[in-house]
Amino acid sequence: MNISSYRVHSVLRCVRFILLLAVLAIPQLTFAHFMVAQKGTLNFNGTGAYLLVSLPTSSLIGIDDDADGLLSNAELTRHITSIIEQVQAGLVLTDAQGAKTLEGIRVSLSLHDGTTTLTDQLIVMGRFDTSKTDSQLSFSTDLWGTDSSEQSLAITVTQDLEGAELITLTPARPEANLYPSVPTVLLSYLRFGLEHILGGLDHLLFLMVVLATGWGFRKIVTALSIFTLGHAISLIAVVYGGLALPASVVEPIIAATIVGLAVYDFWLARNNLTPPVSRLVLIFACALIHGLGLGGALADLGVNPAHQVATLLGFNVGIEVGQVSIAAAVLVVFALLQQFVGKRSVRVASALMTLSAVVMGSIWFVEWVML
């Protein structure tokens, strides 16, 4: 970008900010449909970063006097000092020198219906001083609403020389680096993939079923790699193709695949049959379904359009590393059981793992269907 273009963009951003200030000066009713809930922008211009965001009123403490879940102009006026203090503490821009304070804060009601003067959203506007910033910046928040739909915050970040990027914050990941490098994105989503495996009930149950087959380490790693491949295909369809199914549909199907594969393994064991290679096809088909659930997790977290490849690669590598690590640990336990207790103990442990997966998967299925 040449110097003249840079100056034009800077002027346009200044004009935009002045217009926003003008809008804030207009009576509150002009805010009908002005900001989408839990959305915002962070625009860098010169020595400042200008924040405009819509926050749930339930994220702030002690401001809803009548406990109706809505905020009025009277309540806003009465608690404006407390609101500003909580906003300053809860919306933070950080660099190597520490946290920067949001200054010049303006707070207004976000009125989505011109017939009412009550709202469950507040529009917050302010400026961070970035004049002395020369290191990696991160943005964080701890202002989460009480409703499940108020548990995320999507911020579009713009900077003249860097373009635009989207960051999505959640209670599980309340901080994000701004304009991170590709290695940083890879490591971040690799860690997220590991966390998802270790904390995801569906994956742990499915791993129990796969590991209980009696296969050796090499074949189990092959099965888990095929499972990861199925995930990757579904994630690509979600991220690039926009494929999306509601959790109420995906989650019971995932539970059904766990129970179905476990019952199939019981049938093989009862008939003294060795698990066939075609079982890998079933694992791949199940992985395609499980990947849709993973796609929902990624959608909740947010995928920066500038780093889609790094995001998918890091996430899938994290899943594979987590799966192989768990498999290795379980096989070590099986080997110790076989050596010190006997082969029968391994068969009993495998049967208990499969039975546990059937019971827990069935309960999970019923819970989702009954919702």
Protein backbone atom coordinates (compact mmCIF):
# COMPACT_ATOMS: atom_id res chain seq x y z
CA MET A 1 0.00 0.00 0.00
CA ASN A 2 1.54 3.38 -1.01
CA ILE A 3 1.65 6.44 1.26
CA SER A 4 -1.22 8.25 -0.45
CA SER A 5 -3.52 5.22 -0.15
CA TYR A 6 -2.54 4.83 3.49
CA ARG A 7 -3.48 8.48 4.16
CA VAL A 8 -6.84 8.02 2.41
CA HIS A 9 -7.63 4.98 4.55
CA SER A 10 -6.60 6.85 7.69
CA VAL A 11 -8.87 9.77 6.83
CA LEU A 12 -11.78 7.43 6.13
CA ARG A 13 -11.33 5.73 9.50
CA CYS A 14 -11.25 9.09 11.27
CA VAL A 15 -14.46 10.11 9.49
CA ARG A 16 -16.09 6.82 10.45
CA PHE A 17 -15.19 7.29 14.10
CA ILE A 18 -16.47 10.88 14.11
CA LEU A 19 -19.76 9.67 12.64
CA LEU A 20 -20.02 7.03 15.36
CA LEU A 21 -19.48 9.71 17.99
CA ALA A 22 -22.22 11.76 16.39
CA VAL A 23 -24.59 8.81 16.50
CA LEU A 24 -23.86 8.33 20.18
CA ALA A 25 -24.90 11.89 20.80
CA ILE A 26 -28.35 11.28 19.29
CA PRO A 27 -31.19 10.15 21.58
CA GLN A 28 -31.19 6.50 22.57
CA LEU A 29 -33.97 5.39 20.22
CA THR A 30 -31.65 5.75 17.25
CA PHE A 31 -29.90 2.60 18.37
CA ALA A 32 -32.63 0.29 17.11
CA HIS A 33 -30.83 -2.55 15.27
CA PHE A 34 -27.56 -0.56 15.48
CA MET A 35 -25.42 -3.41 16.84
CA VAL A 36 -25.83 -7.17 16.74
CA ALA A 37 -25.66 -8.79 20.17
CA GLN A 38 -22.19 -10.02 21.18
CA LYS A 39 -20.61 -8.43 18.12
CA GLY A 40 -18.16 -5.60 17.85
CA THR A 41 -15.31 -3.89 16.04
CA LEU A 42 -11.81 -2.87 17.08
CA ASN A 43 -10.34 -0.36 14.62
CA PHE A 44 -6.68 0.64 14.81
CA ASN A 45 -5.94 4.11 13.54
CA GLY A 46 -2.82 6.10 14.27
CA THR A 47 -2.10 5.95 18.01
CA GLY A 48 -5.48 4.59 19.05
CA ALA A 49 -7.61 1.45 18.87
CA TYR A 50 -11.32 2.30 18.83
CA LEU A 51 -13.71 -0.26 20.27
CA LEU A 52 -17.44 -0.52 19.56
CA VAL A 53 -19.20 -3.54 21.02
CA SER A 54 -22.59 -4.83 22.16
CA LEU A 55 -22.55 -6.58 25.56
CA PRO A 56 -25.30 -8.44 27.44
CA THR A 57 -26.58 -6.49 30.44
CA SER A 58 -26.49 -9.72 32.48
CA SER A 59 -22.69 -9.67 32.22
CA LEU A 60 -22.61 -6.69 34.59
CA ILE A 61 -23.22 -6.96 38.34
CA GLY A 62 -25.59 -4.87 40.42
CA ILE A 63 -27.23 -2.79 37.69
CA ASP A 64 -30.58 -4.56 37.16
CA ASP A 65 -32.50 -3.12 40.10
CA ASP A 66 -35.86 -4.76 39.37
CA ALA A 67 -34.27 -8.10 38.35
CA ASP A 68 -36.30 -8.29 35.13
CA GLY A 69 -33.28 -9.14 32.98
CA LEU A 70 -33.58 -5.81 31.15
CA LEU A 71 -31.99 -2.42 31.60
CA SER A 72 -33.79 0.91 31.50
CA ASN A 73 -32.49 4.43 30.98
CA ALA A 74 -33.07 5.11 34.67
CA GLU A 75 -30.99 2.08 35.70
CA LEU A 76 -28.29 3.02 33.19
CA THR A 77 -28.08 6.55 34.60
CA ARG A 78 -28.15 5.35 38.19
CA HIS A 79 -25.31 2.85 37.73
CA ILE A 80 -23.24 4.49 34.99
CA THR A 81 -20.12 4.76 37.19
CA SER A 82 -20.25 1.08 38.13
CA ILE A 83 -20.91 0.09 34.53
CA ILE A 84 -17.87 2.01 33.28
CA GLU A 85 -15.67 0.48 35.98
CA GLN A 86 -16.82 -3.05 35.10
CA VAL A 87 -16.36 -2.42 31.39
CA GLN A 88 -12.83 -1.10 31.95
CA ALA A 89 -11.96 -4.18 33.99
CA GLY A 90 -13.64 -6.61 31.61
CA LEU A 91 -12.48 -5.40 28.17
CA VAL A 92 -8.70 -5.45 28.04
CA LEU A 93 -6.09 -4.82 25.35
CA THR A 94 -2.67 -6.13 26.37
CA ASP A 95 0.88 -5.90 25.03
CA ALA A 96 4.30 -6.79 26.45
CA GLN A 97 4.14 -3.80 28.81
CA GLY A 98 0.81 -4.89 30.30
CA ALA A 99 -2.89 -4.09 30.10
CA LYS A 100 -4.19 -0.89 28.51
CA THR A 101 -7.21 0.88 29.94
CA LEU A 102 -10.26 1.61 27.81
CA GLU A 103 -10.68 5.40 27.87
CA GLY A 104 -13.45 7.83 26.92
CA ILE A 105 -16.11 5.20 27.48
CA ARG A 106 -19.63 5.92 26.22
CA VAL A 107 -22.43 3.53 27.14
CA SER A 108 -25.91 3.45 25.61
CA LEU A 109 -28.89 1.13 25.47
CA SER A 110 -29.15 -1.06 22.39
CA LEU A 111 -32.88 -0.84 21.66
CA HIS A 112 -33.92 -3.49 19.14
CA ASP A 113 -37.56 -2.45 19.20
CA GLY A 114 -38.50 1.21 18.85
CA THR A 115 -41.63 0.65 20.95
CA THR A 116 -39.71 -0.12 24.16
CA THR A 117 -37.14 1.60 26.32
CA LEU A 118 -35.80 -1.61 27.87
CA THR A 119 -32.96 -3.76 26.55
CA ASP A 120 -30.82 -6.78 27.36
CA GLN A 121 -27.84 -5.32 25.47
CA LEU A 122 -25.56 -2.34 26.03
CA ILE A 123 -23.53 -0.58 23.36
CA VAL A 124 -20.07 0.31 24.62
CA MET A 125 -17.64 2.59 22.85
CA GLY A 126 -14.14 3.66 23.86
CA ARG A 127 -10.49 4.03 22.88
CA PHE A 128 -7.26 2.26 23.82
CA ASP A 129 -4.05 4.29 23.64
CA THR A 130 -1.62 2.37 21.39
CA SER A 131 0.96 5.13 20.95
CA LYS A 132 3.63 3.18 22.86
CA THR A 133 2.83 -0.26 21.54
CA ASP A 134 5.51 -2.10 19.58
CA SER A 135 4.79 -5.73 20.47
CA GLN A 136 2.16 -8.44 20.03
CA LEU A 137 -1.29 -7.31 21.14
CA SER A 138 -4.02 -9.47 22.59
CA PHE A 139 -7.66 -8.74 23.42
CA SER A 140 -9.57 -10.38 26.25
CA THR A 141 -12.86 -10.17 28.13
CA ASP A 142 -14.60 -11.77 31.08
CA LEU A 143 -17.99 -10.15 30.45
CA TRP A 144 -20.28 -13.10 29.76
CA GLY A 145 -24.04 -13.13 30.01
CA THR A 146 -26.09 -15.67 31.93
CA ASP A 147 -27.85 -17.10 28.85
CA SER A 148 -26.06 -19.70 26.69
CA SER A 149 -26.48 -17.42 23.66
CA GLU A 150 -24.47 -14.77 25.53
CA GLN A 151 -21.38 -16.93 25.99
CA SER A 152 -19.37 -15.65 23.02
CA LEU A 153 -18.07 -12.36 21.70
CA ALA A 154 -17.06 -11.84 18.05
CA ILE A 155 -14.81 -8.88 17.32
CA THR A 156 -13.81 -7.74 13.82
CA VAL A 157 -10.32 -6.21 14.05
CA THR A 158 -9.15 -3.83 11.32
CA GLN A 159 -5.80 -2.19 10.73
CA ASP A 160 -4.64 -0.30 7.66
CA LEU A 161 -1.54 -2.34 6.90
CA GLU A 162 -2.90 -5.71 8.06
CA GLY A 163 -6.46 -5.80 6.75
CA ALA A 164 -9.32 -7.31 8.76
CA GLU A 165 -9.55 -10.39 10.95
CA LEU A 166 -12.23 -11.96 13.11
CA ILE A 167 -11.61 -13.12 16.67
CA THR A 168 -14.21 -15.01 18.68
CA LEU A 169 -13.90 -15.20 22.45
CA THR A 170 -15.66 -17.62 24.78
CA PRO A 171 -15.42 -18.37 28.52
CA ALA A 172 -13.15 -21.30 27.63
CA ARG A 173 -10.91 -19.10 25.45
CA PRO A 174 -11.36 -15.53 26.72
CA GLU A 175 -8.21 -14.11 25.07
CA ALA A 176 -6.94 -13.95 21.49
CA ASN A 177 -3.78 -12.60 19.92
CA LEU A 178 -4.35 -9.97 17.25
CA TYR A 179 -2.84 -10.72 13.85
CA PRO A 180 -0.99 -13.81 15.08
CA SER A 181 1.71 -15.50 13.02
CA VAL A 182 1.02 -18.81 11.29
CA PRO A 183 3.13 -20.78 13.84
CA THR A 184 1.16 -19.16 16.67
CA VAL A 185 -2.15 -20.18 15.06
CA LEU A 186 -0.88 -23.74 14.50
CA LEU A 187 0.19 -24.14 18.13
CA SER A 188 -2.98 -22.52 19.46
CA TYR A 189 -5.33 -24.81 17.54
CA LEU A 190 -3.12 -27.85 18.14
CA ARG A 191 -3.65 -27.21 21.84
CA PHE A 192 -7.38 -26.75 21.26
CA GLY A 193 -7.49 -30.10 19.44
CA LEU A 194 -5.77 -31.78 22.39
CA GLU A 195 -8.17 -30.14 24.85
CA HIS A 196 -11.15 -31.22 22.78
CA ILE A 197 -10.01 -34.86 22.76
CA LEU A 198 -9.27 -34.95 26.48
CA GLY A 199 -12.48 -33.16 27.43
CA GLY A 200 -14.87 -34.50 24.78
CA LEU A 201 -17.15 -37.30 25.98
CA ASP A 202 -17.91 -38.49 22.44
CA HIS A 203 -14.24 -38.94 21.56
CA LEU A 204 -13.35 -40.69 24.80
CA LEU A 205 -16.24 -43.12 24.36
CA PHE A 206 -15.31 -43.81 20.75
CA LEU A 207 -11.68 -44.35 21.74
CA MET A 208 -12.85 -46.88 24.33
CA VAL A 209 -14.64 -48.83 21.61
CA VAL A 210 -11.71 -48.72 19.17
CA LEU A 211 -9.17 -49.74 21.81
CA ALA A 212 -11.30 -52.63 23.08
CA THR A 213 -11.11 -54.56 19.79
CA GLY A 214 -7.93 -56.44 20.64
CA TRP A 215 -6.05 -54.93 17.70
CA GLY A 216 -2.34 -54.25 18.02
CA PHE A 217 -0.82 -50.78 18.25
CA ARG A 218 -0.17 -50.43 14.51
CA LYS A 219 -3.73 -51.27 13.49
CA ILE A 220 -5.17 -49.07 16.23
CA VAL A 221 -3.05 -46.12 15.04
CA THR A 222 -4.32 -46.80 11.52
CA ALA A 223 -7.91 -46.77 12.77
CA LEU A 224 -7.36 -43.52 14.67
CA SER A 225 -5.70 -41.91 11.65
CA ILE A 226 -8.69 -42.87 9.52
CA PHE A 227 -10.91 -41.39 12.21
CA THR A 228 -8.90 -38.15 12.03
CA LEU A 229 -9.15 -38.16 8.22
CA GLY A 230 -12.93 -38.38 8.49
CA HIS A 231 -12.91 -35.47 10.93
CA ALA A 232 -10.78 -33.43 8.57
CA ILE A 233 -13.14 -33.97 5.63
CA SER A 234 -16.15 -32.89 7.69
CA LEU A 235 -14.30 -29.86 9.06
CA ILE A 236 -13.35 -28.77 5.55
CA ALA A 237 -17.02 -29.07 4.57
CA VAL A 238 -18.01 -26.96 7.59
CA VAL A 239 -15.34 -24.26 7.22
CA TYR A 240 -15.21 -23.97 3.43
CA GLY A 241 -18.59 -25.31 2.39
CA GLY A 242 -20.76 -23.84 5.12
CA LEU A 243 -22.17 -27.25 6.06
CA ALA A 244 -23.90 -26.99 9.42
CA LEU A 245 -26.33 -29.15 11.36
CA PRO A 246 -27.83 -28.28 14.75
CA ALA A 247 -26.42 -30.02 17.81
CA SER A 248 -29.87 -31.51 18.46
CA VAL A 249 -29.40 -33.55 15.28
CA VAL A 250 -25.65 -34.25 15.31
CA GLU A 251 -25.16 -35.21 18.96
CA PRO A 252 -27.72 -38.08 19.15
CA ILE A 253 -26.36 -39.46 15.87
CA ILE A 254 -22.83 -39.40 17.33
CA ALA A 255 -24.10 -41.27 20.40
CA ALA A 256 -25.80 -43.80 18.11
CA THR A 257 -22.55 -44.45 16.19
CA ILE A 258 -20.73 -45.19 19.44
CA VAL A 259 -23.39 -47.64 20.60
CA GLY A 260 -23.71 -49.19 17.13
CA LEU A 261 -19.98 -49.88 16.75
CA ALA A 262 -19.77 -51.26 20.29
CA VAL A 263 -22.72 -53.62 19.68
CA TYR A 264 -21.08 -54.73 16.42
CA ASP A 265 -17.92 -55.57 18.36
CA PHE A 266 -19.94 -57.57 20.90
CA TRP A 267 -21.42 -59.55 18.03
CA LEU A 268 -17.96 -60.26 16.61
CA ALA A 269 -16.68 -61.40 20.02
CA ARG A 270 -19.69 -63.64 20.66
CA ASN A 271 -19.13 -65.39 17.34
CA ASN A 272 -15.35 -65.60 17.90
CA LEU A 273 -14.72 -63.50 14.83
CA THR A 274 -11.65 -61.34 14.34
CA PRO A 275 -12.54 -57.69 13.65
CA PRO A 276 -12.40 -57.43 9.84
CA VAL A 277 -10.61 -54.74 7.86
CA SER A 278 -14.04 -53.50 6.76
CA ARG A 279 -14.43 -52.25 10.33
CA LEU A 280 -12.15 -49.39 9.26
CA VAL A 281 -14.85 -48.33 6.81
CA LEU A 282 -17.34 -48.12 9.67
CA ILE A 283 -14.87 -46.03 11.67
CA PHE A 284 -14.44 -43.67 8.72
CA ALA A 285 -18.21 -43.29 8.35
CA CYS A 286 -18.55 -42.57 12.07
CA ALA A 287 -15.74 -40.02 11.83
CA LEU A 288 -17.63 -38.06 9.19
CA ILE A 289 -20.50 -37.68 11.67
CA HIS A 290 -18.24 -36.85 14.61
CA GLY A 291 -16.52 -34.24 12.46
CA LEU A 292 -19.77 -32.30 12.21
CA GLY A 293 -19.74 -32.03 15.99
CA LEU A 294 -16.16 -30.80 15.86
CA GLY A 295 -17.24 -28.28 13.24
CA GLY A 296 -19.73 -26.90 15.73
CA ALA A 297 -16.94 -26.52 18.29
CA LEU A 298 -14.80 -24.65 15.76
CA ALA A 299 -17.72 -22.47 14.76
CA ASP A 300 -18.24 -21.53 18.42
CA LEU A 301 -14.56 -20.71 18.74
CA GLY A 302 -14.38 -18.81 15.48
CA VAL A 303 -12.10 -19.38 12.50
CA ASN A 304 -10.07 -16.45 11.23
CA PRO A 305 -10.53 -16.38 7.42
CA ALA A 306 -6.87 -15.43 7.05
CA HIS A 307 -5.71 -18.59 8.83
CA GLN A 308 -8.19 -21.29 7.81
CA VAL A 309 -5.53 -23.74 6.61
CA ALA A 310 -3.36 -23.29 9.71
CA THR A 311 -6.46 -23.63 11.92
CA LEU A 312 -7.60 -26.90 10.35
CA LEU A 313 -4.08 -28.33 10.25
CA GLY A 314 -3.30 -27.48 13.85
CA PHE A 315 -6.69 -28.68 15.10
CA ASN A 316 -6.45 -32.04 13.33
CA VAL A 317 -2.84 -32.60 14.39
CA GLY A 318 -3.89 -31.91 17.99
CA ILE A 319 -6.69 -34.47 17.69
CA GLU A 320 -4.34 -37.09 16.24
CA VAL A 321 -1.68 -36.49 18.90
CA GLY A 322 -4.29 -36.73 21.64
CA GLN A 323 -5.79 -39.94 20.26
CA VAL A 324 -2.45 -41.68 19.79
CA SER A 325 -1.30 -40.62 23.27
CA ILE A 326 -4.43 -42.06 24.90
CA ALA A 327 -4.14 -45.23 22.81
CA ALA A 328 -0.50 -45.70 23.82
CA ALA A 329 -1.37 -45.27 27.51
CA VAL A 330 -4.23 -47.79 27.35
CA LEU A 331 -2.11 -50.35 25.48
CA VAL A 332 0.63 -50.03 28.09
CA VAL A 333 -1.96 -50.78 30.78
CA PHE A 334 -3.18 -53.79 28.78
CA ALA A 335 0.41 -55.05 28.39
CA LEU A 336 0.99 -54.77 32.14
CA LEU A 337 -2.28 -56.57 32.89
CA GLN A 338 -1.38 -59.36 30.51
CA GLN A 339 2.08 -59.82 32.01
CA PHE A 340 1.19 -59.66 35.69
CA VAL A 341 -2.45 -60.85 35.78
CA GLY A 342 -2.94 -62.86 32.59
CA LYS A 343 -4.59 -62.66 29.17
CA ARG A 344 -8.04 -63.13 30.64
CA SER A 345 -7.73 -59.81 32.50
CA VAL A 346 -7.16 -58.00 29.20
CA ARG A 347 -10.29 -59.60 27.70
CA VAL A 348 -12.31 -58.64 30.78
CA ALA A 349 -10.98 -55.07 30.68
CA SER A 350 -11.79 -54.79 26.95
CA ALA A 351 -15.32 -56.10 27.52
CA LEU A 352 -15.85 -53.63 30.38
CA MET A 353 -14.66 -50.75 28.20
CA THR A 354 -17.06 -51.70 25.43
CA LEU A 355 -19.95 -52.20 27.87
CA SER A 356 -19.25 -48.81 29.48
CA ALA A 357 -19.31 -47.16 26.05
CA VAL A 358 -22.67 -48.79 25.27
CA VAL A 359 -24.24 -47.68 28.56
CA MET A 360 -22.88 -44.15 28.51
CA GLY A 361 -23.59 -43.71 24.79
CA SER A 362 -27.17 -44.91 25.29
CA ILE A 363 -27.72 -42.48 28.17
CA TRP A 364 -26.25 -39.69 26.09
CA PHE A 365 -28.53 -40.59 23.16
CA VAL A 366 -31.65 -40.61 25.36
CA GLU A 367 -30.71 -37.29 26.95
CA TRP A 368 -30.38 -35.57 23.56
CA VAL A 369 -33.56 -37.10 22.17
CA MET A 370 -35.51 -36.05 25.25
CA LEU A 371 -34.32 -32.43 25.09
